[in-house]
């Protein structure tokens, strides 16, 4: 993450209420994607859903990543 992107993301992840909302969304999205994964019909769909799960879970580390990138810029 570039320092510029990190600075723009910091208000999202450093405000407790915003971060809680983001975590709530991630939890919901992971649950939804698990349902889709259980019902997928092809290996290609499965790979796509696995990638989506991986990326959504990365949002849970966004706070640490943004704070680290912003700190390194100073």
Protein backbone atom coordinates (compact mmCIF):
# COMPACT_ATOMS: atom_id res chain seq x y z
CA UNK A 1 0.00 0.00 0.00
CA UNK A 2 1.37 3.40 -0.89
CA UNK A 3 1.59 6.05 1.82
CA UNK A 4 -0.93 8.21 -0.07
CA UNK A 5 -3.51 5.42 -0.14
CA UNK A 6 -2.79 4.64 3.51
CA UNK A 7 -3.47 8.24 4.55
CA UNK A 8 -6.80 8.20 2.71
CA UNK A 9 -7.83 4.91 4.34
CA UNK A 10 -6.84 5.84 7.90
CA UNK A 11 -10.13 7.59 8.78
CA UNK A 12 -12.01 4.46 7.78
CA UNK A 13 -9.97 2.08 9.90
CA UNK A 14 -8.96 4.27 12.85
CA UNK A 15 -12.45 5.41 13.79
CA UNK A 16 -13.79 2.61 15.97
CA UNK A 17 -17.36 2.87 14.69
CA UNK A 18 -16.24 2.75 11.05
CA UNK A 19 -13.92 -0.17 11.69
CA UNK A 20 -16.71 -2.08 13.45
CA UNK A 21 -18.97 -1.51 10.45
CA UNK A 22 -16.26 -2.76 8.12
CA UNK A 23 -15.78 -5.89 10.25
CA UNK A 24 -19.54 -6.48 10.26
CA UNK A 25 -19.60 -6.29 6.47
CA UNK A 26 -16.63 -8.67 6.20
CA UNK A 27 -18.35 -11.19 8.48
CA UNK A 28 -21.54 -11.02 6.42
CA UNK A 29 -19.67 -11.29 3.12
CA UNK A 30 -17.61 -14.29 4.28
CA UNK A 31 -20.80 -16.05 5.35
CA UNK A 32 -22.43 -15.32 1.99
CA UNK A 33 -19.39 -16.51 0.04
CA UNK A 34 -19.27 -19.73 2.08
CA UNK A 35 -22.87 -20.41 1.07
CA UNK A 36 -22.00 -19.78 -2.57
CA UNK A 37 -18.95 -22.03 -2.28
CA UNK A 38 -21.09 -24.89 -0.95
CA UNK A 39 -23.43 -24.56 -3.93
CA UNK A 40 -20.99 -23.94 -6.77
CA UNK A 41 -21.14 -26.31 -9.70
CA UNK A 42 -17.71 -26.03 -11.30
CA UNK A 43 -14.07 -25.93 -10.28
CA UNK A 44 -13.76 -22.52 -11.95
CA UNK A 45 -16.55 -21.11 -9.76
CA UNK A 46 -14.86 -22.59 -6.71
CA UNK A 47 -11.54 -20.92 -7.56
CA UNK A 48 -13.28 -17.59 -8.12
CA UNK A 49 -15.11 -17.79 -4.80
CA UNK A 50 -11.95 -18.81 -2.94
CA UNK A 51 -10.20 -15.74 -4.34
CA UNK A 52 -13.08 -13.54 -3.27
CA UNK A 53 -12.95 -15.00 0.24
CA UNK A 54 -9.22 -14.36 0.45
CA UNK A 55 -9.61 -10.74 -0.64
CA UNK A 56 -12.54 -10.04 1.70
CA UNK A 57 -10.58 -11.46 4.63
CA UNK A 58 -7.72 -9.11 3.78
CA UNK A 59 -10.01 -6.25 4.77
CA UNK A 60 -9.61 -7.44 8.36
CA UNK A 61 -5.90 -6.57 8.18
CA UNK A 62 -6.50 -3.23 6.47
CA UNK A 63 -6.08 -1.25 9.70
CA UNK A 64 -2.64 -2.70 10.42
CA UNK A 65 -1.55 -2.35 6.81
CA UNK A 66 -2.69 1.28 6.53
CA UNK A 67 -1.15 2.30 9.85
CA UNK A 68 2.12 0.63 8.95
CA UNK A 69 2.31 2.24 5.50
CA UNK A 70 1.44 5.68 6.87
CA UNK A 71 4.02 5.32 9.65
CA UNK A 72 6.74 4.25 7.19
CA UNK A 73 6.08 7.37 5.11
CA UNK A 74 7.14 9.65 7.97
